[in-house]
N, C-alpha and C. Protein backbone atom coordinates (compact mmCIF):
# COMPACT_ATOMS: atom_id res chain seq x y z
N MET A 1 0.84 -1.18 0.00
CA MET A 1 0.00 0.00 0.00
C MET A 1 0.89 1.24 0.00
N VAL A 2 0.32 2.31 -0.48
CA VAL A 2 1.01 3.58 -0.55
C VAL A 2 0.75 4.35 0.73
N SER A 3 1.77 4.97 1.27
CA SER A 3 1.61 5.71 2.52
C SER A 3 0.83 7.00 2.29
N CYS A 4 0.39 7.59 3.40
CA CYS A 4 -0.37 8.84 3.32
C CYS A 4 0.47 9.97 2.76
N GLU A 5 1.80 9.88 2.91
CA GLU A 5 2.67 10.92 2.37
C GLU A 5 2.58 10.97 0.85
N TRP A 6 2.47 9.80 0.22
CA TRP A 6 2.33 9.78 -1.24
C TRP A 6 0.99 10.36 -1.67
N VAL A 7 -0.04 10.11 -0.89
CA VAL A 7 -1.36 10.66 -1.21
C VAL A 7 -1.30 12.18 -1.11
N ARG A 8 -0.66 12.70 -0.08
CA ARG A 8 -0.51 14.15 0.07
C ARG A 8 0.31 14.73 -1.07
N LEU A 9 1.37 14.02 -1.45
CA LEU A 9 2.19 14.47 -2.57
C LEU A 9 1.36 14.50 -3.85
N ALA A 10 0.54 13.48 -4.05
CA ALA A 10 -0.32 13.44 -5.23
C ALA A 10 -1.31 14.60 -5.20
N ALA A 11 -1.84 14.90 -4.03
CA ALA A 11 -2.79 16.00 -3.91
C ALA A 11 -2.13 17.32 -4.25
N VAL A 12 -0.91 17.52 -3.81
CA VAL A 12 -0.18 18.76 -4.13
C VAL A 12 0.09 18.84 -5.62
N LEU A 13 0.48 17.73 -6.23
CA LEU A 13 0.73 17.74 -7.67
C LEU A 13 -0.54 18.02 -8.46
N VAL A 14 -1.64 17.47 -7.99
CA VAL A 14 -2.90 17.64 -8.70
C VAL A 14 -3.36 19.10 -8.63
N VAL A 15 -3.15 19.73 -7.50
CA VAL A 15 -3.57 21.12 -7.35
C VAL A 15 -2.84 22.01 -8.33
N THR A 16 -1.62 21.68 -8.68
CA THR A 16 -0.85 22.50 -9.60
C THR A 16 -1.24 22.30 -11.06
N ILE A 17 -2.05 21.29 -11.33
CA ILE A 17 -2.46 21.03 -12.71
C ILE A 17 -3.48 22.08 -13.12
N SER A 18 -3.36 22.57 -14.30
CA SER A 18 -4.25 23.62 -14.81
C SER A 18 -5.62 23.06 -15.11
N PHE A 19 -6.65 23.96 -15.03
CA PHE A 19 -8.01 23.57 -15.32
C PHE A 19 -8.24 23.27 -16.79
N CYS A 20 -7.34 23.73 -17.67
CA CYS A 20 -7.57 23.56 -19.10
C CYS A 20 -7.45 22.10 -19.53
N PHE A 21 -6.92 21.24 -18.71
CA PHE A 21 -6.78 19.84 -19.08
C PHE A 21 -7.97 18.99 -18.65
N SER A 22 -8.96 19.62 -18.06
CA SER A 22 -10.10 18.85 -17.60
C SER A 22 -11.29 19.01 -18.55
N THR A 23 -12.17 18.02 -18.54
CA THR A 23 -13.40 18.10 -19.32
C THR A 23 -14.54 18.40 -18.35
N ASN A 24 -15.63 18.87 -18.88
CA ASN A 24 -16.75 19.27 -18.03
C ASN A 24 -17.99 18.46 -18.37
N ILE A 25 -18.63 17.96 -17.34
CA ILE A 25 -19.91 17.27 -17.48
C ILE A 25 -20.98 18.27 -17.03
N GLU A 26 -22.01 18.46 -17.85
CA GLU A 26 -23.11 19.34 -17.46
C GLU A 26 -24.27 18.47 -17.01
N VAL A 27 -24.68 18.66 -15.78
CA VAL A 27 -25.72 17.83 -15.17
C VAL A 27 -26.77 18.75 -14.56
N GLU A 28 -28.04 18.43 -14.77
CA GLU A 28 -29.10 19.20 -14.14
C GLU A 28 -29.14 18.91 -12.65
N TYR A 29 -29.75 19.84 -11.92
CA TYR A 29 -29.89 19.65 -10.47
C TYR A 29 -30.61 18.35 -10.15
N PHE A 30 -30.13 17.69 -9.11
CA PHE A 30 -30.71 16.48 -8.53
C PHE A 30 -30.69 15.28 -9.47
N ALA A 31 -29.92 15.37 -10.55
CA ALA A 31 -29.73 14.21 -11.43
C ALA A 31 -28.50 13.44 -10.95
N GLU A 32 -28.29 12.30 -11.54
CA GLU A 32 -27.13 11.48 -11.19
C GLU A 32 -26.04 11.70 -12.24
N ALA A 33 -24.79 11.76 -11.78
CA ALA A 33 -23.66 11.95 -12.69
C ALA A 33 -22.60 10.89 -12.41
N VAL A 34 -22.02 10.37 -13.47
CA VAL A 34 -20.92 9.41 -13.34
C VAL A 34 -19.65 10.09 -13.83
N VAL A 35 -18.69 10.23 -12.92
CA VAL A 35 -17.40 10.83 -13.26
C VAL A 35 -16.44 9.66 -13.46
N GLU A 36 -15.91 9.56 -14.68
CA GLU A 36 -15.06 8.42 -15.00
C GLU A 36 -13.58 8.75 -14.79
N CYS A 37 -12.89 7.77 -14.29
CA CYS A 37 -11.43 7.89 -14.18
C CYS A 37 -10.87 7.51 -15.54
N ASP A 38 -10.81 8.48 -16.42
CA ASP A 38 -10.50 8.25 -17.82
C ASP A 38 -9.00 8.30 -18.07
N LEU A 39 -8.30 7.30 -17.59
CA LEU A 39 -6.86 7.19 -17.83
C LEU A 39 -6.62 5.97 -18.70
N ASN A 40 -5.91 6.16 -19.78
CA ASN A 40 -5.56 5.04 -20.64
C ASN A 40 -4.27 4.43 -20.08
N LEU A 41 -4.42 3.38 -19.30
CA LEU A 41 -3.27 2.79 -18.61
C LEU A 41 -2.75 1.54 -19.30
N THR A 42 -3.22 1.25 -20.50
CA THR A 42 -2.81 0.01 -21.16
C THR A 42 -1.39 0.07 -21.69
N ASN A 43 -0.94 1.25 -22.12
CA ASN A 43 0.39 1.36 -22.71
C ASN A 43 1.40 2.03 -21.79
N THR A 44 1.22 1.92 -20.50
CA THR A 44 2.17 2.54 -19.59
C THR A 44 3.28 1.56 -19.25
N HIS A 45 4.44 2.10 -19.02
CA HIS A 45 5.60 1.28 -18.66
C HIS A 45 6.00 1.54 -17.22
N HIS A 46 5.03 1.80 -16.38
CA HIS A 46 5.31 2.15 -14.99
C HIS A 46 4.93 1.04 -14.03
N GLY A 47 4.70 -0.13 -14.52
CA GLY A 47 4.27 -1.22 -13.66
C GLY A 47 2.76 -1.23 -13.54
N SER A 48 2.29 -1.89 -12.52
CA SER A 48 0.83 -1.98 -12.34
C SER A 48 0.38 -0.96 -11.31
N PRO A 49 -0.90 -0.55 -11.41
CA PRO A 49 -1.42 0.42 -10.44
C PRO A 49 -1.46 -0.19 -9.04
N VAL A 50 -1.00 0.58 -8.08
CA VAL A 50 -1.00 0.15 -6.68
C VAL A 50 -2.23 0.69 -5.97
N SER A 51 -2.55 1.93 -6.26
CA SER A 51 -3.71 2.53 -5.60
C SER A 51 -4.32 3.60 -6.50
N LYS A 52 -5.61 3.81 -6.26
CA LYS A 52 -6.35 4.85 -6.99
C LYS A 52 -7.12 5.66 -5.96
N TYR A 53 -7.16 6.97 -6.22
CA TYR A 53 -7.85 7.89 -5.31
C TYR A 53 -8.65 8.90 -6.12
N TRP A 54 -9.67 9.43 -5.53
CA TRP A 54 -10.40 10.56 -6.07
C TRP A 54 -10.15 11.73 -5.15
N ILE A 55 -9.86 12.88 -5.73
CA ILE A 55 -9.78 14.12 -4.96
C ILE A 55 -11.01 14.94 -5.35
N LEU A 56 -11.86 15.18 -4.37
CA LEU A 56 -13.11 15.90 -4.59
C LEU A 56 -12.87 17.41 -4.64
N PRO A 57 -13.81 18.19 -5.17
CA PRO A 57 -13.63 19.65 -5.19
C PRO A 57 -13.43 20.24 -3.79
N SER A 58 -13.94 19.59 -2.77
CA SER A 58 -13.77 20.06 -1.39
C SER A 58 -12.37 19.79 -0.86
N GLY A 59 -11.57 18.99 -1.60
CA GLY A 59 -10.22 18.65 -1.16
C GLY A 59 -10.14 17.31 -0.46
N ASP A 60 -11.29 16.67 -0.22
CA ASP A 60 -11.30 15.36 0.42
C ASP A 60 -10.73 14.31 -0.52
N VAL A 61 -9.96 13.39 0.03
CA VAL A 61 -9.38 12.29 -0.74
C VAL A 61 -10.14 11.02 -0.37
N ILE A 62 -10.67 10.33 -1.41
CA ILE A 62 -11.44 9.12 -1.15
C ILE A 62 -10.94 8.00 -2.06
N ASN A 63 -11.21 6.77 -1.65
CA ASN A 63 -10.93 5.61 -2.50
C ASN A 63 -12.14 4.69 -2.45
N ASN A 64 -12.00 3.47 -2.95
CA ASN A 64 -13.16 2.59 -2.99
C ASN A 64 -13.51 2.01 -1.61
N GLN A 65 -12.72 2.30 -0.61
CA GLN A 65 -13.03 1.87 0.76
C GLN A 65 -13.69 3.00 1.56
N SER A 66 -13.75 4.21 1.01
CA SER A 66 -14.29 5.37 1.74
C SER A 66 -15.80 5.27 1.87
N VAL A 67 -16.31 5.91 2.92
CA VAL A 67 -17.74 5.91 3.19
C VAL A 67 -18.29 7.30 2.89
N SER A 68 -19.35 7.32 2.12
CA SER A 68 -19.98 8.58 1.71
C SER A 68 -20.87 9.13 2.80
N PRO A 69 -20.93 10.46 2.90
CA PRO A 69 -21.93 11.03 3.82
C PRO A 69 -23.34 10.80 3.28
N ILE A 70 -24.29 10.71 4.18
CA ILE A 70 -25.69 10.48 3.80
C ILE A 70 -26.37 11.85 3.64
N VAL A 71 -26.98 12.08 2.49
CA VAL A 71 -27.71 13.31 2.23
C VAL A 71 -29.09 12.92 1.71
N LYS A 72 -30.14 13.38 2.41
CA LYS A 72 -31.52 13.09 2.03
C LYS A 72 -31.77 11.59 1.87
N ASN A 73 -31.37 10.82 2.86
CA ASN A 73 -31.59 9.38 2.94
C ASN A 73 -30.89 8.59 1.85
N MET A 74 -29.84 9.13 1.26
CA MET A 74 -29.06 8.35 0.29
C MET A 74 -27.61 8.82 0.32
N ASN A 75 -26.73 7.97 -0.15
CA ASN A 75 -25.31 8.33 -0.20
C ASN A 75 -25.11 9.51 -1.15
N GLN A 76 -24.21 10.41 -0.77
CA GLN A 76 -23.91 11.55 -1.63
C GLN A 76 -23.17 11.07 -2.88
N TRP A 77 -22.32 10.08 -2.71
CA TRP A 77 -21.56 9.52 -3.82
C TRP A 77 -21.22 8.06 -3.54
N THR A 78 -20.90 7.33 -4.59
CA THR A 78 -20.39 5.97 -4.44
C THR A 78 -19.23 5.79 -5.41
N VAL A 79 -18.27 4.98 -5.01
CA VAL A 79 -17.11 4.67 -5.84
C VAL A 79 -17.24 3.22 -6.26
N SER A 80 -17.02 2.98 -7.55
CA SER A 80 -17.14 1.60 -8.03
C SER A 80 -16.10 0.72 -7.34
N GLN A 81 -16.52 -0.48 -7.03
CA GLN A 81 -15.63 -1.41 -6.33
C GLN A 81 -14.62 -2.05 -7.28
N ASP A 82 -14.89 -1.96 -8.57
CA ASP A 82 -14.00 -2.52 -9.58
C ASP A 82 -12.76 -1.63 -9.71
N PHE A 83 -11.60 -2.19 -9.50
CA PHE A 83 -10.36 -1.41 -9.55
C PHE A 83 -10.03 -0.97 -10.97
N GLU A 84 -10.49 -1.70 -11.97
CA GLU A 84 -10.22 -1.35 -13.36
C GLU A 84 -11.05 -0.14 -13.79
N ASN A 85 -12.34 -0.15 -13.49
CA ASN A 85 -13.23 0.96 -13.83
C ASN A 85 -13.50 1.75 -12.56
N PHE A 86 -12.62 2.62 -12.25
CA PHE A 86 -12.68 3.36 -10.99
C PHE A 86 -13.53 4.62 -11.17
N ASN A 87 -14.85 4.43 -11.27
CA ASN A 87 -15.77 5.53 -11.52
C ASN A 87 -16.38 6.03 -10.22
N LEU A 88 -16.68 7.31 -10.20
CA LEU A 88 -17.32 7.95 -9.06
C LEU A 88 -18.72 8.36 -9.50
N THR A 89 -19.74 7.90 -8.77
CA THR A 89 -21.12 8.24 -9.10
C THR A 89 -21.63 9.24 -8.08
N LEU A 90 -22.10 10.38 -8.57
CA LEU A 90 -22.67 11.41 -7.70
C LEU A 90 -24.19 11.28 -7.76
N HIS A 91 -24.81 11.11 -6.60
CA HIS A 91 -26.26 11.00 -6.52
C HIS A 91 -26.83 12.37 -6.16
N ARG A 92 -27.87 12.81 -6.84
CA ARG A 92 -28.53 14.09 -6.56
C ARG A 92 -27.53 15.25 -6.59
N VAL A 93 -27.03 15.57 -7.76
CA VAL A 93 -26.04 16.64 -7.92
C VAL A 93 -26.64 17.97 -7.45
N ASP A 94 -25.88 18.65 -6.59
CA ASP A 94 -26.29 19.93 -6.05
C ASP A 94 -25.09 20.89 -6.09
N ASP A 95 -25.25 22.10 -5.59
CA ASP A 95 -24.19 23.11 -5.66
C ASP A 95 -22.89 22.63 -5.03
N VAL A 96 -22.97 21.86 -3.95
CA VAL A 96 -21.75 21.41 -3.28
C VAL A 96 -20.96 20.43 -4.13
N ASP A 97 -21.59 19.85 -5.15
CA ASP A 97 -20.92 18.87 -6.01
C ASP A 97 -20.25 19.52 -7.22
N PHE A 98 -20.46 20.82 -7.45
CA PHE A 98 -19.86 21.49 -8.60
C PHE A 98 -18.36 21.64 -8.39
N GLY A 99 -17.59 21.40 -9.44
CA GLY A 99 -16.14 21.60 -9.37
C GLY A 99 -15.38 20.55 -10.14
N ILE A 100 -14.07 20.51 -9.91
CA ILE A 100 -13.17 19.60 -10.60
C ILE A 100 -12.92 18.37 -9.73
N TYR A 101 -13.09 17.20 -10.33
CA TYR A 101 -12.81 15.92 -9.68
C TYR A 101 -11.54 15.37 -10.31
N ARG A 102 -10.65 14.87 -9.48
CA ARG A 102 -9.38 14.35 -10.00
C ARG A 102 -9.20 12.90 -9.58
N CYS A 103 -8.92 12.08 -10.56
CA CYS A 103 -8.62 10.67 -10.31
C CYS A 103 -7.11 10.52 -10.32
N VAL A 104 -6.56 9.99 -9.25
CA VAL A 104 -5.12 9.83 -9.11
C VAL A 104 -4.79 8.34 -9.05
N VAL A 105 -3.88 7.92 -9.93
CA VAL A 105 -3.44 6.53 -9.95
C VAL A 105 -1.94 6.49 -9.65
N VAL A 106 -1.58 5.70 -8.64
CA VAL A 106 -0.17 5.56 -8.25
C VAL A 106 0.30 4.17 -8.66
N PHE A 107 1.45 4.12 -9.34
CA PHE A 107 2.00 2.85 -9.83
C PHE A 107 3.07 2.32 -8.88
N THR A 108 3.49 1.08 -9.14
CA THR A 108 4.48 0.43 -8.29
C THR A 108 5.82 1.16 -8.29
N ASP A 109 6.14 1.85 -9.39
CA ASP A 109 7.40 2.62 -9.43
C ASP A 109 7.17 4.08 -9.01
N TYR A 110 6.04 4.35 -8.37
CA TYR A 110 5.66 5.64 -7.79
C TYR A 110 5.41 6.74 -8.82
N HIS A 111 5.20 6.36 -10.07
CA HIS A 111 4.73 7.33 -11.04
C HIS A 111 3.25 7.59 -10.74
N ILE A 112 2.83 8.82 -10.99
CA ILE A 112 1.45 9.21 -10.69
C ILE A 112 0.79 9.72 -11.97
N HIS A 113 -0.38 9.19 -12.26
CA HIS A 113 -1.19 9.66 -13.38
C HIS A 113 -2.44 10.31 -12.80
N VAL A 114 -2.84 11.44 -13.41
CA VAL A 114 -3.99 12.18 -12.91
C VAL A 114 -4.93 12.47 -14.09
N ALA A 115 -6.22 12.24 -13.86
CA ALA A 115 -7.25 12.62 -14.84
C ALA A 115 -8.20 13.57 -14.13
N SER A 116 -8.53 14.67 -14.81
CA SER A 116 -9.43 15.66 -14.22
C SER A 116 -10.71 15.72 -15.03
N GLN A 117 -11.80 15.84 -14.32
CA GLN A 117 -13.09 15.98 -14.97
C GLN A 117 -13.96 16.87 -14.10
N GLY A 118 -14.61 17.86 -14.71
CA GLY A 118 -15.42 18.80 -13.97
C GLY A 118 -16.90 18.46 -14.04
N VAL A 119 -17.61 18.87 -13.01
CA VAL A 119 -19.06 18.75 -12.97
C VAL A 119 -19.62 20.16 -12.78
N ASN A 120 -20.33 20.64 -13.80
CA ASN A 120 -20.93 21.98 -13.78
C ASN A 120 -19.92 23.04 -13.32
N VAL A 121 -18.76 23.05 -13.93
CA VAL A 121 -17.70 23.97 -13.56
C VAL A 121 -18.13 25.41 -13.80
N ASN A 122 -18.88 25.67 -14.83
CA ASN A 122 -19.30 27.03 -15.17
C ASN A 122 -20.61 27.43 -14.49
N GLY A 123 -21.04 26.69 -13.51
CA GLY A 123 -22.28 27.00 -12.81
C GLY A 123 -23.37 26.00 -13.14
N ALA A 124 -24.53 26.28 -12.61
CA ALA A 124 -25.66 25.37 -12.78
C ALA A 124 -26.03 25.20 -14.25
N TYR A 125 -26.44 23.99 -14.58
CA TYR A 125 -26.86 23.67 -15.94
C TYR A 125 -28.37 23.42 -15.91
N PHE A 126 -29.09 24.13 -16.75
CA PHE A 126 -30.54 24.01 -16.75
C PHE A 126 -31.06 23.27 -17.96
N GLY A 127 -30.18 22.91 -18.88
CA GLY A 127 -30.51 22.06 -20.01
C GLY A 127 -31.77 22.43 -20.75
N GLU A 128 -32.74 21.58 -20.71
CA GLU A 128 -33.98 21.74 -21.46
C GLU A 128 -34.86 22.85 -20.91
N LEU A 129 -34.64 23.25 -19.68
CA LEU A 129 -35.46 24.31 -19.11
C LEU A 129 -35.30 25.61 -19.87
N GLU A 130 -34.09 25.89 -20.31
CA GLU A 130 -33.84 27.12 -21.07
C GLU A 130 -34.62 27.09 -22.38
N GLU A 131 -34.56 25.97 -23.08
CA GLU A 131 -35.30 25.84 -24.33
C GLU A 131 -36.81 25.89 -24.09
N LYS A 132 -37.25 25.30 -23.00
CA LYS A 132 -38.67 25.22 -22.69
C LYS A 132 -39.26 26.60 -22.41
N TYR A 133 -38.54 27.44 -21.68
CA TYR A 133 -39.07 28.73 -21.25
C TYR A 133 -38.55 29.91 -22.06
N GLN A 134 -37.75 29.67 -23.07
CA GLN A 134 -37.18 30.77 -23.85
C GLN A 134 -38.26 31.60 -24.52
N LYS A 135 -39.23 30.97 -25.15
CA LYS A 135 -40.31 31.70 -25.84
C LYS A 135 -41.12 32.52 -24.84
N SER A 136 -41.43 31.95 -23.69
CA SER A 136 -42.19 32.68 -22.67
C SER A 136 -41.40 33.87 -22.14
N ALA A 137 -40.09 33.70 -21.98
CA ALA A 137 -39.25 34.80 -21.50
C ALA A 137 -39.21 35.93 -22.51
N ILE A 138 -39.16 35.62 -23.79
CA ILE A 138 -39.15 36.65 -24.83
C ILE A 138 -40.48 37.40 -24.83
N ILE A 139 -41.58 36.67 -24.76
CA ILE A 139 -42.90 37.30 -24.72
C ILE A 139 -43.04 38.19 -23.47
N GLY A 140 -42.58 37.70 -22.35
CA GLY A 140 -42.63 38.48 -21.11
C GLY A 140 -41.79 39.75 -21.22
N GLY A 141 -40.62 39.65 -21.85
CA GLY A 141 -39.77 40.82 -22.03
C GLY A 141 -40.41 41.86 -22.93
N ILE A 142 -41.03 41.40 -24.00
CA ILE A 142 -41.73 42.32 -24.91
C ILE A 142 -42.90 42.99 -24.19
N ALA A 143 -43.66 42.21 -23.43
CA ALA A 143 -44.80 42.77 -22.69
C ALA A 143 -44.32 43.80 -21.66
N ALA A 144 -43.24 43.51 -20.98
CA ALA A 144 -42.70 44.47 -20.00
C ALA A 144 -42.23 45.74 -20.69
N GLY A 145 -41.60 45.61 -21.86
CA GLY A 145 -41.15 46.78 -22.62
C GLY A 145 -42.32 47.63 -23.06
N CYS A 146 -43.39 46.99 -23.55
CA CYS A 146 -44.59 47.74 -23.97
C CYS A 146 -45.21 48.46 -22.78
N LEU A 147 -45.30 47.79 -21.65
CA LEU A 147 -45.85 48.42 -20.45
C LEU A 147 -45.00 49.61 -20.03
N PHE A 148 -43.70 49.49 -20.11
CA PHE A 148 -42.79 50.59 -19.77
C PHE A 148 -43.03 51.79 -20.70
N VAL A 149 -43.19 51.53 -21.99
CA VAL A 149 -43.44 52.61 -22.95
C VAL A 149 -44.76 53.30 -22.64
N VAL A 150 -45.82 52.54 -22.37
CA VAL A 150 -47.14 53.13 -22.08
C VAL A 150 -47.09 53.95 -20.80
N VAL A 151 -46.54 53.39 -19.74
CA VAL A 151 -46.48 54.11 -18.46
C VAL A 151 -45.55 55.32 -18.58
N GLY A 152 -44.40 55.15 -19.20
CA GLY A 152 -43.48 56.27 -19.37
C GLY A 152 -44.07 57.37 -20.23
N GLY A 153 -44.75 56.99 -21.32
CA GLY A 153 -45.41 57.98 -22.18
C GLY A 153 -46.50 58.72 -21.43
N SER A 154 -47.29 58.00 -20.64
CA SER A 154 -48.34 58.63 -19.85
C SER A 154 -47.75 59.64 -18.87
N CYS A 155 -46.66 59.28 -18.24
CA CYS A 155 -46.00 60.20 -17.29
C CYS A 155 -45.50 61.44 -18.01
N LEU A 156 -44.92 61.28 -19.19
CA LEU A 156 -44.43 62.44 -19.95
C LEU A 156 -45.58 63.34 -20.38
N ILE A 157 -46.66 62.75 -20.87
CA ILE A 157 -47.82 63.54 -21.27
C ILE A 157 -48.39 64.29 -20.07
N TRP A 158 -48.54 63.60 -18.95
CA TRP A 158 -49.07 64.23 -17.74
C TRP A 158 -48.15 65.37 -17.30
N GLN A 159 -46.85 65.13 -17.31
CA GLN A 159 -45.89 66.16 -16.90
C GLN A 159 -45.98 67.36 -17.83
N TYR A 160 -46.10 67.13 -19.13
CA TYR A 160 -46.17 68.23 -20.09
C TYR A 160 -47.45 69.04 -19.88
N ARG A 161 -48.57 68.35 -19.74
CA ARG A 161 -49.84 69.05 -19.55
C ARG A 161 -49.86 69.79 -18.23
N TYR A 162 -49.36 69.16 -17.19
CA TYR A 162 -49.37 69.78 -15.87
C TYR A 162 -48.43 70.99 -15.84
N SER A 163 -47.24 70.83 -16.44
CA SER A 163 -46.30 71.95 -16.44
C SER A 163 -46.84 73.10 -17.29
N LYS A 164 -47.56 72.82 -18.37
CA LYS A 164 -48.15 73.86 -19.22
C LYS A 164 -49.23 74.60 -18.42
N ARG A 165 -50.07 73.87 -17.72
CA ARG A 165 -51.11 74.46 -16.90
C ARG A 165 -50.49 75.27 -15.76
N LYS A 166 -49.44 74.75 -15.17
CA LYS A 166 -48.77 75.42 -14.07
C LYS A 166 -48.13 76.72 -14.57
N ASN A 167 -47.53 76.69 -15.76
CA ASN A 167 -46.93 77.89 -16.33
C ASN A 167 -48.00 78.93 -16.65
N GLU A 168 -49.15 78.49 -17.15
CA GLU A 168 -50.25 79.42 -17.43
C GLU A 168 -50.74 80.08 -16.15
N GLU A 169 -50.86 79.30 -15.08
CA GLU A 169 -51.29 79.87 -13.79
C GLU A 169 -50.24 80.83 -13.26
N LYS A 170 -48.98 80.50 -13.41
CA LYS A 170 -47.89 81.37 -12.96
C LYS A 170 -47.91 82.68 -13.74
N ASP A 171 -48.09 82.61 -15.06
CA ASP A 171 -48.16 83.82 -15.88
C ASP A 171 -49.35 84.68 -15.48
N ARG A 172 -50.48 84.04 -15.23
CA ARG A 172 -51.69 84.76 -14.82
C ARG A 172 -51.46 85.47 -13.50
N LYS A 173 -50.80 84.79 -12.54
CA LYS A 173 -50.52 85.41 -11.24
C LYS A 173 -49.56 86.59 -11.41
N GLU A 174 -48.56 86.43 -12.29
CA GLU A 174 -47.62 87.53 -12.51
C GLU A 174 -48.33 88.73 -13.12
N ILE A 175 -49.23 88.48 -14.04
CA ILE A 175 -49.99 89.58 -14.66
C ILE A 175 -50.86 90.25 -13.61
N ASP A 176 -51.52 89.44 -12.77
CA ASP A 176 -52.35 90.00 -11.71
C ASP A 176 -51.51 90.82 -10.74
N ASN A 177 -50.34 90.29 -10.37
CA ASN A 177 -49.45 91.01 -9.46
C ASN A 177 -48.97 92.30 -10.10
N PHE A 178 -48.69 92.26 -11.38
CA PHE A 178 -48.24 93.47 -12.09
C PHE A 178 -49.36 94.50 -12.13
N ASP A 179 -50.56 94.03 -12.41
CA ASP A 179 -51.71 94.94 -12.43
C ASP A 179 -51.94 95.56 -11.06
N ASP A 180 -51.86 94.73 -10.03
CA ASP A 180 -52.03 95.23 -8.66
C ASP A 180 -50.94 96.23 -8.31
N LEU A 181 -49.71 95.91 -8.71
CA LEU A 181 -48.59 96.79 -8.44
C LEU A 181 -48.77 98.12 -9.18
N LYS A 182 -49.17 97.99 -10.41
CA LYS A 182 -49.38 99.18 -11.25
C LYS A 182 -50.50 100.03 -10.68
N ASN A 183 -51.60 99.42 -10.37
CA ASN A 183 -52.73 100.14 -9.78
C ASN A 183 -52.35 100.72 -8.43
N GLY A 184 -51.61 99.97 -7.67
CA GLY A 184 -51.19 100.44 -6.36
C GLY A 184 -50.28 101.64 -6.46
N GLN A 185 -49.37 101.65 -7.41
CA GLN A 185 -48.46 102.79 -7.59
C GLN A 185 -49.23 103.99 -8.10
N LEU A 186 -50.16 103.74 -9.00
CA LEU A 186 -50.96 104.85 -9.52
C LEU A 186 -51.80 105.46 -8.40
N ASN A 187 -52.42 104.59 -7.62
CA ASN A 187 -53.25 105.08 -6.51
C ASN A 187 -52.40 105.81 -5.50
N GLN A 188 -51.22 105.29 -5.25
CA GLN A 188 -50.33 105.90 -4.28
C GLN A 188 -49.86 107.27 -4.80
N GLY A 189 -49.55 107.34 -6.09
CA GLY A 189 -49.13 108.61 -6.70
C GLY A 189 -50.28 109.61 -6.69
N TYR A 190 -51.50 109.16 -6.92
CA TYR A 190 -52.68 110.03 -6.93
C TYR A 190 -52.93 110.58 -5.54
N GLU A 191 -52.77 109.70 -4.54
CA GLU A 191 -53.00 110.14 -3.15
C GLU A 191 -51.95 111.15 -2.73
N GLU A 192 -50.71 110.96 -3.15
CA GLU A 192 -49.67 111.90 -2.80
C GLU A 192 -49.89 113.24 -3.47
N SER A 193 -50.32 113.24 -4.71
CA SER A 193 -50.58 114.49 -5.41
C SER A 193 -51.80 115.20 -4.83
N ALA A 194 -52.73 114.42 -4.29
CA ALA A 194 -53.92 115.03 -3.71
C ALA A 194 -53.58 115.69 -2.39
N LYS A 195 -52.60 115.23 -1.69
CA LYS A 195 -52.19 115.80 -0.41
C LYS A 195 -51.51 117.15 -0.64
N LEU A 196 -50.93 117.33 -1.74
CA LEU A 196 -50.22 118.57 -2.01
C LEU A 196 -51.16 119.62 -2.37
């Protein structure tokens, strides 16, 4: 068996691997996903595989002897017991399952092979839901735009009419004030001339 130090070394090496070498599986919420340990080990000259591990997006290292946490009365994941087909099955994919999964294979001469595969790396996948509701979303957007134009136009018309009426009232008050001022000055001038 390989010591824990080799597993830690493999984890460090895997972390340094770039994301561009991984493939992405798009899975809808609460569906099942099978992440395959896709390593072509038939033409390797490194001896036979000694151990295989999965490194989860959370950083946990698991193998086929690991026990999955129970989520909603079922295992969160299961690892195939077959050492040749070392697949990881995710049950009820949720946000915590999104990320890069790495399969690490350690050989008898301590060479390490790593395969990376992502699950919903770019975020949630809605698949057919987008196609199903696309037409309704377009119709809703057009209806909202029309409503905005009607309400906005009504506000502009109301503002224009109200401001026109307000300006007319203001002009009328200014004319009245001018007339009062004019009459007041004339009356005041008449009264002063009458006193003399």
